[in-house]
Amino acid sequence: MSDATAFREGFDIVICGGGAAGCVVAGRLAADPHVKVLLLEAGDEGDVEEVRNPRIWMRNIASERDWDFRSEPCAGLNGRRAPLPMGRVMGGGSAINGLVWARGHKSDFDLWAAESGDDGWGYEAAVAIYKRIEDWDGPASSLRGTGGPMRITLPDNPVPVVHGLLDAAQEQGIPKVADHNAEAVASDGCAAIANVNIARDGSRITTASAYVAPRRHQQNLTVVTGARVRRVLIENARATAVEFDHAGTVHRVRARHEVVLSLGAINTAKVLMQSGIGDATHLGSHGIAVMQHLPGVGQNLQDHILVAGCVFEYRTPEPPRNNSAEFTFFCKSDPSLPAPDLQPMLEECAFGSEITRPAYDLPVDPAQAFTLAPGLLRPKSRGQVLLTGPGPADPLRIDANFLSAEEDVKALLRCIEICRAMGHSEALRPFVKRELMPGPLAPDEMVNFLRNAAGTYFHATCTARMGRDPMAVVDGSLKVHGIEGLRVADGSIMPAIAGGNTLAPCVLIGERAAELIARDLALPHSLPAPKRDGTTA
């Protein structure tokens, strides 16, 4: 059957976006041969070395596999425009990110349950979902899963400084643990070798390779790459079809049961608004007919902040290994906080911003230095995504508003202080020749350094948040308020950003969405996971 014929006949489920969550939804639902699934992805297959090789993941940023979004100038960043990378490739962020698998803190999921009114988003439910996602081969724990589609492991033979960093963290009162995704996710903090989604042959595992590739041979699953979604068509308050560009032609495909938006926090907000779902005043200013007034669409934009960074020169050069980011730790900027709000990452190179790199003359050779990059997990700053016109080609206005809240500045200054102390610790003396950046600065100079060095952690989320108040966009079943047959399944539904790298929570969101859709379709409660040979787990 040709694509044109299939598009005319329609599908049971049309999934817009083959990213971290969209591939999960497609792979799970396609397990039932009677459910006809269409997966639309704007990027290509991603069958390139930059995706496969974990050590060179940074080469994906600003490539054709990145939407290459940029924020409006941020006053909190001294007027800089922050790059906002987002995957434009099969697997989405799971294909271009730094491969750190962090589940999030217990308090995150308890908040999601409270906001949605659904215990299916709570911590105990999240653990159960993660256990069916994972094929964990690290230290045994009743909280970890085996046999799932995503192999999660510890980096093989990490760079030696990792072991020094574990001891240095302990000197700062941050306990080192064998697994930051087990019991430690309910703790006040920990330091650990990072979990990574890497196959036994050393290549990256994406949600496309884990969930979709094993089912590509099935007649009930159609995957179309190079397909850019324009809008969802709404008839009588129901999503009935999707309009998209493919190979120079505009297509419309009907969805018999429902449409799922999994386009990421920026593009999901855009497509909702271009479909007439959003703030009525904003839509009306661009001549878009209002299908549903939901003022929260595009609001509540949140991102973790990563600072580039606290850089130390090696005594002995050490080339990067594995994912080039093999160590992380979680801690609090203030002991009174209910959960860790800081997560620095090891970057196995001299990591600088467009301002700090030349200012400090940082070495280009990654073997010469390493960076402890301070990270903020629970920003108070909020941004927004707005349209500039009604057409799909009209650019977006993304007001990231990084470091607009003084609390975020205070927390990151404390994080810089911790990272610098670790770099100068006794535990790192065998590895560190000298500090390259930022050095001992006066308080006002350190604030200026922070504003010049801060940027995204690549974790844009929360623009179509789940909840029950007037600013919520989806309910606890991920259904868009006021519109039948339309669900959102990606990081945009988070009421508040998860306390760790966001890939794992986005895969969880995909799993939960598939479970909810299967329930509505009266499919088996727990759909079987795909294996690489196309059978089921």
Protein backbone atom coordinates (compact mmCIF):
# COMPACT_ATOMS: atom_id res chain seq x y z
CA MET A 1 0.00 0.00 0.00
CA SER A 2 1.39 3.45 -0.91
CA ASP A 3 1.72 6.20 1.69
CA ALA A 4 -0.89 8.26 -0.17
CA THR A 5 -3.41 5.41 0.01
CA ALA A 6 -2.66 4.82 3.69
CA PHE A 7 -3.06 8.53 4.45
CA ARG A 8 -6.48 8.55 2.73
CA GLU A 9 -7.66 5.51 4.65
CA GLY A 10 -6.44 6.88 7.98
CA PHE A 11 -5.10 5.24 11.12
CA ASP A 12 -6.38 4.37 14.56
CA ILE A 13 -3.63 6.39 16.25
CA VAL A 14 -1.58 9.19 14.70
CA ILE A 15 1.52 10.04 16.75
CA CYS A 16 3.14 13.37 15.94
CA GLY A 17 6.84 13.23 16.81
CA GLY A 18 9.21 10.27 16.87
CA GLY A 19 11.16 11.45 19.88
CA ALA A 20 11.92 10.17 23.36
CA ALA A 21 8.24 9.62 24.22
CA GLY A 22 6.63 9.31 20.77
CA CYS A 23 8.67 6.26 19.83
CA VAL A 24 7.66 4.61 23.08
CA VAL A 25 3.95 5.19 22.39
CA ALA A 26 4.31 3.87 18.84
CA GLY A 27 6.27 0.78 19.81
CA ARG A 28 3.96 -0.17 22.64
CA LEU A 29 0.68 0.33 20.74
CA ALA A 30 1.96 -1.45 17.63
CA ALA A 31 2.32 -4.55 19.81
CA ASP A 32 -1.34 -5.20 19.03
CA PRO A 33 -1.55 -6.11 15.32
CA HIS A 34 -5.14 -4.87 15.15
CA VAL A 35 -4.16 -1.27 16.01
CA LYS A 36 -3.06 0.74 12.99
CA VAL A 37 -0.42 3.27 14.05
CA LEU A 38 1.16 6.16 12.13
CA LEU A 39 4.31 7.81 13.49
CA LEU A 40 5.32 11.14 11.94
CA GLU A 41 8.86 12.49 12.48
CA ALA A 42 10.22 15.74 11.02
CA GLY A 43 13.85 14.54 11.03
CA ASP A 44 15.54 11.59 9.41
CA GLU A 45 16.47 8.13 10.67
CA GLY A 46 19.64 9.30 12.41
CA ASP A 47 21.72 6.40 11.14
CA VAL A 48 25.01 8.28 11.54
CA GLU A 49 28.15 7.97 13.64
CA GLU A 50 27.31 11.09 15.65
CA VAL A 51 24.20 9.35 16.98
CA ARG A 52 25.72 5.91 17.42
CA ASN A 53 28.98 6.96 19.13
CA PRO A 54 28.31 8.21 22.69
CA ARG A 55 31.67 9.99 22.95
CA ILE A 56 30.86 12.52 20.22
CA TRP A 57 27.27 13.35 21.13
CA MET A 58 28.00 17.10 21.25
CA ARG A 59 28.46 17.09 17.45
CA ASN A 60 24.70 16.66 17.14
CA ILE A 61 24.06 20.06 18.67
CA ALA A 62 23.28 22.69 15.99
CA SER A 63 23.44 19.95 13.34
CA GLU A 64 20.59 18.92 11.04
CA ARG A 65 19.44 16.65 13.89
CA ASP A 66 18.72 19.66 16.13
CA TRP A 67 15.83 22.12 15.73
CA ASP A 68 18.42 24.75 16.75
CA PHE A 69 15.99 26.92 18.69
CA ARG A 70 17.30 30.02 20.42
CA SER A 71 15.76 32.11 23.15
CA GLU A 72 15.11 35.79 23.03
CA PRO A 73 17.84 37.81 24.78
CA CYS A 74 17.79 36.97 28.50
CA ALA A 75 18.47 39.79 30.94
CA GLY A 76 19.59 37.17 33.45
CA LEU A 77 22.27 36.03 30.99
CA ASN A 78 23.60 39.55 30.40
CA GLY A 79 21.47 39.82 27.28
CA ARG A 80 22.69 36.57 25.72
CA ARG A 81 20.41 34.41 23.56
CA ALA A 82 20.52 30.87 24.91
CA PRO A 83 20.70 27.94 22.47
CA LEU A 84 17.86 25.49 23.15
CA PRO A 85 18.79 22.17 21.51
CA MET A 86 15.96 19.75 20.73
CA GLY A 87 16.18 16.55 18.73
CA ARG A 88 14.94 16.57 15.13
CA VAL A 89 15.62 12.91 14.35
CA MET A 90 14.14 9.51 15.09
CA GLY A 91 14.57 9.09 18.83
CA GLY A 92 14.51 12.84 19.45
CA GLY A 93 16.53 13.85 22.48
CA SER A 94 17.49 10.23 23.14
CA ALA A 95 19.47 10.36 19.86
CA ILE A 96 21.41 13.59 20.49
CA ASN A 97 21.73 13.99 24.27
CA GLY A 98 24.52 13.13 26.72
CA LEU A 99 23.10 9.64 27.52
CA VAL A 100 22.63 10.14 31.26
CA TRP A 101 19.70 8.15 32.64
CA ALA A 102 18.30 9.81 35.76
CA ARG A 103 14.87 8.78 36.99
CA GLY A 104 14.03 11.92 38.95
CA HIS A 105 13.39 12.34 42.67
CA LYS A 106 10.57 10.71 44.62
CA SER A 107 9.12 14.15 45.33
CA ASP A 108 8.77 14.85 41.60
CA PHE A 109 6.34 12.02 41.02
CA ASP A 110 4.43 12.67 44.22
CA LEU A 111 3.93 16.25 42.97
CA TRP A 112 2.72 15.00 39.57
CA ALA A 113 0.21 12.75 41.33
CA ALA A 114 -1.03 15.60 43.50
CA GLU A 115 -1.36 18.00 40.55
CA SER A 116 -3.16 15.48 38.34
CA GLY A 117 -5.24 13.81 41.04
CA ASP A 118 -4.03 10.46 39.71
CA ASP A 119 -1.91 8.12 41.82
CA GLY A 120 -0.76 6.52 38.56
CA TRP A 121 1.79 9.36 38.40
CA GLY A 122 3.05 8.82 41.97
CA TYR A 123 6.41 7.46 43.00
CA GLU A 124 5.35 3.84 43.52
CA ALA A 125 3.69 3.76 40.11
CA ALA A 126 6.75 5.41 38.53
CA VAL A 127 9.05 2.73 39.97
CA ALA A 128 6.84 0.01 38.48
CA ILE A 129 6.95 1.69 35.05
CA TYR A 130 10.71 2.18 35.19
CA LYS A 131 11.19 -1.49 36.07
CA ARG A 132 9.45 -2.54 32.85
CA ILE A 133 11.41 0.03 30.80
CA GLU A 134 14.86 -0.97 31.99
CA ASP A 135 17.27 -3.75 31.30
CA TRP A 136 19.57 -2.84 34.17
CA ASP A 137 22.87 -4.66 34.54
CA GLY A 138 24.34 -2.70 37.45
CA PRO A 139 24.19 -3.28 41.22
CA ALA A 140 21.15 -5.30 42.22
CA SER A 141 18.18 -3.46 43.73
CA SER A 142 14.50 -4.27 44.10
CA LEU A 143 13.83 -0.86 42.55
CA ARG A 144 15.53 -1.65 39.25
CA GLY A 145 14.16 -3.63 36.32
CA THR A 146 15.64 -6.18 33.92
CA GLY A 147 14.47 -7.44 30.55
CA GLY A 148 13.01 -4.13 29.35
CA PRO A 149 13.73 -2.47 25.99
CA MET A 150 16.20 0.15 27.31
CA ARG A 151 19.55 -1.27 28.42
CA ILE A 152 20.80 0.90 31.26
CA THR A 153 24.31 0.36 32.54
CA LEU A 154 27.32 1.96 34.18
CA PRO A 155 30.10 3.32 31.96
CA ASP A 156 32.83 0.80 31.23
CA ASN A 157 36.19 1.78 32.75
CA PRO A 158 35.46 5.50 33.32
CA VAL A 159 38.20 8.12 33.34
CA PRO A 160 40.24 7.84 36.58
CA VAL A 161 39.21 11.30 37.82
CA VAL A 162 35.69 9.92 38.36
CA HIS A 163 36.87 7.97 41.41
CA GLY A 164 38.57 11.08 42.77
CA LEU A 165 35.35 13.03 42.25
CA LEU A 166 33.39 10.46 44.25
CA ASP A 167 35.77 10.94 47.15
CA ALA A 168 35.77 14.71 46.70
CA ALA A 169 31.98 14.77 46.92
CA GLN A 170 32.14 12.76 50.12
CA GLU A 171 34.52 15.38 51.54
CA GLN A 172 31.70 17.90 50.89
CA GLY A 173 29.21 15.76 52.83
CA ILE A 174 27.60 14.24 49.72
CA PRO A 175 27.52 10.45 50.11
CA LYS A 176 28.81 8.34 47.23
CA VAL A 177 26.49 5.52 46.16
CA ALA A 178 26.69 2.64 43.72
CA ASP A 179 23.48 3.63 41.90
CA HIS A 180 21.85 7.08 41.87
CA ASN A 181 18.59 5.61 40.49
CA ALA A 182 17.86 3.21 43.33
CA GLU A 183 17.21 4.10 46.98
CA ALA A 184 19.08 7.39 46.53
CA VAL A 185 16.20 8.92 44.54
CA ALA A 186 14.35 9.44 47.81
CA SER A 187 17.39 10.89 49.62
CA ASP A 188 18.84 14.33 50.30
CA GLY A 189 21.56 13.79 47.72
CA CYS A 190 24.27 11.49 46.45
CA ALA A 191 27.29 11.23 44.15
CA ALA A 192 27.66 8.42 41.65
CA ILE A 193 28.97 7.17 38.37
CA ALA A 194 26.18 8.11 35.97
CA ASN A 195 23.74 5.54 34.58
CA VAL A 196 23.86 5.55 30.77
CA ASN A 197 21.76 4.04 27.96
CA ILE A 198 24.56 2.26 26.10
CA ALA A 199 24.43 -1.14 24.40
CA ARG A 200 26.88 -3.95 25.03
CA ASP A 201 28.75 -3.03 21.84
CA GLY A 202 29.29 0.51 23.17
CA SER A 203 26.74 2.22 20.91
CA ARG A 204 23.91 4.50 21.97
CA ILE A 205 20.46 3.06 22.60
CA THR A 206 17.65 5.42 21.54
CA THR A 207 13.92 5.03 21.96
CA ALA A 208 13.79 4.60 18.17
CA SER A 209 16.19 1.65 18.26
CA ALA A 210 14.66 0.15 21.41
CA TYR A 211 10.94 0.57 20.73
CA VAL A 212 10.34 1.25 17.02
CA ALA A 213 13.07 -0.55 15.06
CA PRO A 214 11.96 -4.04 16.19
CA ARG A 215 8.45 -3.34 14.83
CA ARG A 216 9.27 -1.62 11.54
CA HIS A 217 8.44 -4.84 9.65
CA GLN A 218 4.88 -4.91 10.98
CA GLN A 219 2.04 -3.99 8.62
CA ASN A 220 0.16 -2.10 11.33
CA LEU A 221 2.99 0.40 11.96
CA THR A 222 3.81 3.13 9.43
CA VAL A 223 6.75 5.44 10.11
CA VAL A 224 7.19 8.54 7.96
CA THR A 225 10.35 10.61 8.40
CA GLY A 226 10.77 14.08 6.94
CA ALA A 227 7.16 14.80 7.95
CA ARG A 228 6.63 18.15 9.64
CA VAL A 229 3.32 18.51 11.44
CA ARG A 230 1.45 21.73 10.68
CA ARG A 231 -1.69 21.41 12.81
CA VAL A 232 -4.34 19.13 14.23
CA LEU A 233 -7.77 19.46 12.66
CA ILE A 234 -10.59 19.91 15.18
CA GLU A 235 -14.24 19.18 14.36
CA ASN A 236 -16.96 19.64 16.98
CA ALA A 237 -14.38 19.78 19.78
CA ARG A 238 -12.72 16.55 18.61
CA ALA A 239 -9.31 15.99 16.98
CA THR A 240 -10.05 14.16 13.74
CA ALA A 241 -6.96 14.53 11.53
CA VAL A 242 -3.40 15.80 11.25
CA GLU A 243 -2.05 18.08 8.53
CA PHE A 244 1.64 17.70 7.73
CA ASP A 245 4.25 18.48 5.08
CA HIS A 246 6.10 15.62 3.42
CA ALA A 247 8.23 15.67 0.27
CA GLY A 248 6.90 19.07 -0.76
CA THR A 249 3.24 18.11 -0.39
CA VAL A 250 0.71 18.95 2.31
CA HIS A 251 -1.10 15.80 3.49
CA ARG A 252 -4.05 15.24 5.75
CA VAL A 253 -4.47 11.95 7.55
CA ARG A 254 -7.47 10.99 9.66
CA ALA A 255 -7.17 9.54 13.15
CA ARG A 256 -10.02 7.16 13.96
CA HIS A 257 -9.30 7.01 17.67
CA GLU A 258 -6.95 9.82 18.61
CA VAL A 259 -3.98 12.05 17.89
CA VAL A 260 -0.94 12.09 20.18
CA LEU A 261 1.38 15.11 20.24
CA SER A 262 4.94 14.12 21.19
CA LEU A 263 6.80 17.01 19.59
CA GLY A 264 8.70 18.31 22.62
CA ALA A 265 7.95 21.29 24.83
CA ILE A 266 8.52 23.88 22.12
CA ASN A 267 6.89 22.29 19.07
CA THR A 268 3.98 20.75 20.99
CA ALA A 269 3.05 24.22 22.23
CA LYS A 270 3.41 25.58 18.68
CA VAL A 271 1.19 22.94 17.07
CA LEU A 272 -1.44 23.27 19.78
CA MET A 273 -1.63 27.01 19.17
CA GLN A 274 -1.64 26.66 15.38
CA SER A 275 -4.51 24.20 15.82
CA GLY A 276 -6.53 26.83 17.68
CA ILE A 277 -5.80 25.59 21.20
CA GLY A 278 -4.28 28.17 23.51
CA ASP A 279 -4.85 31.63 24.89
CA ALA A 280 -7.74 33.14 22.92
CA THR A 281 -6.28 36.65 22.88
CA HIS A 282 -2.90 35.46 21.62
CA LEU A 283 -4.45 33.24 18.94
CA GLY A 284 -6.82 35.99 17.84
CA SER A 285 -3.91 38.42 17.43
CA HIS A 286 -2.61 36.09 14.71
CA GLY A 287 -5.96 35.43 13.07
CA ILE A 288 -6.21 31.83 14.32
CA ALA A 289 -9.73 30.57 15.00
CA VAL A 290 -10.05 29.51 18.62
CA MET A 291 -11.05 25.87 19.11
CA GLN A 292 -10.37 25.81 22.85
CA HIS A 293 -9.26 28.60 25.16
CA LEU A 294 -6.40 27.17 27.23
CA PRO A 295 -4.24 30.05 28.46
CA GLY A 296 -1.57 27.69 29.82
CA VAL A 297 -0.40 26.54 26.38
CA GLY A 298 3.18 27.73 25.91
CA GLN A 299 3.41 29.05 29.47
CA ASN A 300 5.36 27.62 32.43
CA LEU A 301 8.44 26.88 30.27
CA GLN A 302 11.12 25.40 32.53
CA ASP A 303 14.65 24.16 31.91
CA HIS A 304 17.50 23.03 34.07
CA ILE A 305 20.41 25.46 34.00
CA LEU A 306 23.91 24.19 33.25
CA VAL A 307 26.88 26.45 33.89
CA ALA A 308 29.97 26.23 31.74
CA GLY A 309 31.68 25.71 34.18
CA CYS A 310 34.38 25.03 36.79
CA VAL A 311 37.31 23.91 34.64
CA PHE A 312 40.45 22.19 35.91
CA GLU A 313 43.59 21.30 34.00
CA TYR A 314 44.73 17.68 34.26
CA ARG A 315 48.17 16.83 35.57
CA THR A 316 48.23 14.03 32.99
CA PRO A 317 46.09 14.37 29.85
CA GLU A 318 43.11 12.02 29.79
CA PRO A 319 40.95 11.58 26.66
CA PRO A 320 37.17 11.27 27.19
CA ARG A 321 35.59 7.84 27.52
CA ASN A 322 32.10 6.39 27.15
CA ASN A 323 29.61 9.30 27.03
CA SER A 324 32.19 11.94 28.04
CA ALA A 325 30.04 12.67 31.14
CA GLU A 326 30.50 9.74 33.50
CA PHE A 327 29.93 11.36 36.90
CA THR A 328 27.17 13.37 38.50
CA PHE A 329 25.96 14.34 41.94
CA PHE A 330 22.79 15.68 43.55
CA CYS A 331 22.74 18.00 46.56
CA LYS A 332 20.91 20.91 48.15
CA SER A 333 21.88 24.56 47.95
CA ASP A 334 20.05 25.01 51.28
CA PRO A 335 19.68 22.19 53.85
CA SER A 336 16.08 23.21 54.54
CA LEU A 337 14.93 22.31 51.00
CA PRO A 338 12.71 19.21 50.68
CA ALA A 339 14.76 17.70 47.82
CA PRO A 340 18.08 18.25 46.02
CA ASP A 341 18.02 21.31 43.77
CA LEU A 342 21.55 21.02 42.32
CA GLN A 343 23.00 18.50 39.86
CA PRO A 344 26.47 19.24 38.51
CA MET A 345 27.84 17.04 35.70
CA LEU A 346 31.34 16.03 34.77
CA GLU A 347 32.14 17.20 31.24
CA GLU A 348 35.30 15.51 29.98
CA CYS A 349 36.63 18.62 28.24
CA ALA A 350 37.10 22.30 28.96
CA PHE A 351 33.45 23.38 28.75
CA GLY A 352 32.95 27.11 28.19
CA SER A 353 30.28 29.41 26.80
CA GLU A 354 30.70 31.65 23.77
CA ILE A 355 31.94 34.34 26.19
CA THR A 356 33.89 32.43 28.81
CA ARG A 357 35.77 30.10 26.44
CA PRO A 358 37.74 32.88 24.71
CA ALA A 359 37.94 35.02 27.84
CA TYR A 360 39.74 32.22 29.72
CA ASP A 361 41.56 30.84 26.66
CA LEU A 362 40.35 27.33 27.41
CA PRO A 363 42.14 24.43 25.71
CA VAL A 364 40.47 22.88 22.67
CA ASP A 365 41.92 19.40 23.17
CA PRO A 366 39.42 17.61 25.47
CA ALA A 367 42.20 15.51 27.02
CA GLN A 368 43.77 18.57 28.62
CA ALA A 369 41.06 19.46 31.14
CA PHE A 370 37.77 18.45 32.73
CA THR A 371 34.80 20.51 33.89
CA LEU A 372 32.48 20.24 36.85
CA ALA A 373 29.49 21.99 35.33
CA PRO A 374 27.17 23.39 38.03
CA GLY A 375 23.52 22.54 37.39
CA LEU A 376 20.22 23.82 38.77
CA LEU A 377 17.34 21.32 38.99
CA ARG A 378 14.44 23.34 40.38
CA PRO A 379 14.46 26.79 38.80
CA LYS A 380 12.06 29.44 39.98
CA SER A 381 12.40 31.29 36.67
CA ARG A 382 9.62 30.67 34.16
CA GLY A 383 9.52 31.27 30.43
CA GLN A 384 7.02 31.08 27.60
CA VAL A 385 6.62 30.04 23.97
CA LEU A 386 4.66 32.40 21.71
CA LEU A 387 3.69 32.49 18.06
CA THR A 388 4.87 35.30 15.80
CA GLY A 389 2.44 34.41 13.01
CA PRO A 390 -0.22 31.87 12.00
CA GLY A 391 1.87 29.86 9.52
CA PRO A 392 3.95 26.75 10.20
CA ALA A 393 7.04 28.52 8.85
CA ASP A 394 6.62 31.56 11.10
CA PRO A 395 9.32 31.53 13.79
CA LEU A 396 8.52 31.20 17.45
CA ARG A 397 9.27 33.68 20.18
CA ILE A 398 10.86 31.75 23.04
CA ASP A 399 11.29 33.77 26.21
CA ALA A 400 13.45 31.46 28.32
CA ASN A 401 13.93 34.05 31.10
CA PHE A 402 16.89 32.13 32.52
CA LEU A 403 18.13 33.42 35.89
CA SER A 404 15.31 35.97 36.09
CA ALA A 405 14.61 34.77 39.65
CA GLU A 406 17.15 35.81 42.27
CA GLU A 407 16.71 32.45 44.03
CA ASP A 408 18.21 30.72 40.97
CA VAL A 409 21.26 32.97 41.04
CA LYS A 410 21.79 32.29 44.75
CA ALA A 411 21.48 28.52 44.31
CA LEU A 412 23.93 28.42 41.39
CA LEU A 413 26.48 30.56 43.21
CA ARG A 414 26.39 27.97 45.97
CA CYS A 415 26.78 25.23 43.35
CA ILE A 416 29.86 26.95 41.87
CA GLU A 417 31.29 27.17 45.39
CA ILE A 418 30.80 23.41 45.91
CA CYS A 419 32.30 22.50 42.53
CA ARG A 420 35.34 24.72 43.08
CA ALA A 421 35.88 23.23 46.54
CA MET A 422 35.78 19.73 45.06
CA GLY A 423 38.31 20.71 42.40
CA HIS A 424 40.71 21.90 45.09
CA SER A 425 40.08 18.95 47.42
CA GLU A 426 42.66 16.51 48.67
CA ALA A 427 40.92 13.73 46.75
CA LEU A 428 41.55 15.47 43.41
CA ARG A 429 45.11 16.56 44.11
CA PRO A 430 46.55 13.62 42.07
CA PHE A 431 44.52 14.71 39.01
CA VAL A 432 44.36 18.52 39.08
CA LYS A 433 47.26 20.68 37.98
CA ARG A 434 45.41 23.99 38.37
CA GLU A 435 42.02 25.67 38.11
CA LEU A 436 41.44 27.31 34.73
CA MET A 437 37.98 28.84 35.29
CA PRO A 438 36.48 30.78 37.04
CA GLY A 439 39.07 31.18 39.81
CA PRO A 440 38.62 33.15 43.05
CA LEU A 441 36.42 36.10 42.05
CA ALA A 442 34.86 38.89 44.09
CA PRO A 443 31.12 38.36 44.71
CA ASP A 444 29.93 40.78 42.00
CA GLU A 445 32.46 39.34 39.53
CA MET A 446 31.24 35.80 40.27
CA VAL A 447 27.66 36.83 39.55
CA ASN A 448 28.79 38.33 36.26
CA PHE A 449 30.70 35.14 35.45
CA LEU A 450 27.59 33.08 36.20
CA ARG A 451 25.44 35.19 33.88
CA ASN A 452 28.04 34.86 31.10
CA ALA A 453 28.47 31.11 31.61
CA ALA A 454 24.94 29.85 32.30
CA GLY A 455 22.81 28.15 29.68
CA THR A 456 20.51 25.24 29.06
CA TYR A 457 20.84 21.67 30.31
CA PHE A 458 18.87 20.74 27.11
CA HIS A 459 15.79 19.98 29.22
CA ALA A 460 12.99 22.31 28.02
CA THR A 461 9.70 21.11 29.55
CA CYS A 462 6.36 22.04 31.14
CA THR A 463 4.64 24.11 28.39
CA ALA A 464 1.46 21.98 28.32
CA ARG A 465 1.35 21.03 31.94
CA MET A 466 -0.81 18.40 33.56
CA GLY A 467 -3.28 19.55 36.18
CA ARG A 468 -6.78 20.58 37.17
CA ASP A 469 -6.54 24.37 37.44
CA PRO A 470 -7.30 26.96 34.71
CA MET A 471 -3.66 27.08 33.52
CA ALA A 472 -3.42 23.30 33.06
CA VAL A 473 -3.44 21.99 29.48
CA VAL A 474 -3.90 18.23 29.95
CA ASP A 475 -5.58 16.12 32.61
CA GLY A 476 -4.19 13.11 34.45
CA SER A 477 -4.88 10.94 31.39
CA LEU A 478 -2.84 13.37 29.24
CA LYS A 479 -6.01 14.38 27.35
CA VAL A 480 -6.16 18.02 26.28
CA HIS A 481 -8.83 19.80 28.30
CA GLY A 482 -11.97 20.39 26.26
CA ILE A 483 -10.86 18.45 23.16
CA GLU A 484 -11.73 14.82 22.56
CA GLY A 485 -9.29 12.49 20.85
CA LEU A 486 -6.19 14.57 21.54
CA ARG A 487 -3.44 13.66 23.99
CA VAL A 488 0.02 15.06 24.75
CA ALA A 489 2.85 12.69 25.63
CA ASP A 490 6.20 14.40 26.10
CA GLY A 491 8.09 16.56 28.59
CA SER A 492 5.69 19.46 28.11
CA ILE A 493 3.13 17.76 30.39
CA MET A 494 5.35 17.94 33.48
CA PRO A 495 3.69 20.22 36.09
CA ALA A 496 7.21 21.02 37.31
CA ILE A 497 10.47 19.89 35.76
CA ALA A 498 11.81 16.58 37.04
CA GLY A 499 14.81 16.62 39.36
CA GLY A 500 17.36 15.08 37.01
CA ASN A 501 18.15 14.58 33.32
CA THR A 502 14.79 14.43 31.57
CA LEU A 503 15.20 11.50 29.14
CA ALA A 504 14.11 8.85 31.64
CA PRO A 505 10.98 10.75 32.77
CA CYS A 506 10.04 11.34 29.12
CA VAL A 507 10.29 7.60 28.40
CA LEU A 508 8.11 7.04 31.48
CA ILE A 509 5.58 9.54 30.10
CA GLY A 510 5.52 7.62 26.81
CA GLU A 511 4.94 4.35 28.66
CA ARG A 512 2.13 5.84 30.73
CA ALA A 513 0.50 7.36 27.63
CA ALA A 514 0.55 4.02 25.83
CA GLU A 515 -0.96 2.35 28.89
CA LEU A 516 -3.76 4.93 29.04
CA ILE A 517 -4.51 4.68 25.30
CA ALA A 518 -4.50 0.88 25.50
CA ARG A 519 -7.00 1.09 28.34
CA ASP A 520 -9.31 3.27 26.24
CA LEU A 521 -8.99 0.85 23.33
CA ALA A 522 -9.57 -2.13 25.65
CA LEU A 523 -6.14 -3.56 24.74
CA PRO A 524 -4.13 -5.68 27.19
CA HIS A 525 -3.34 -3.63 30.32
CA SER A 526 0.41 -4.07 29.96
CA LEU A 527 1.48 -4.17 26.33
CA PRO A 528 4.52 -6.36 25.63
CA ALA A 529 7.83 -4.63 25.06
CA PRO A 530 9.63 -5.00 21.74
CA LYS A 531 12.88 -6.90 21.54
CA ARG A 532 15.51 -6.23 18.93
CA ASP A 533 14.59 -9.39 17.04
CA GLY A 534 10.99 -8.24 16.74
CA THR A 535 9.57 -10.68 19.30
CA THR A 536 8.13 -9.51 22.59
CA ALA A 537 9.44 -9.47 26.12
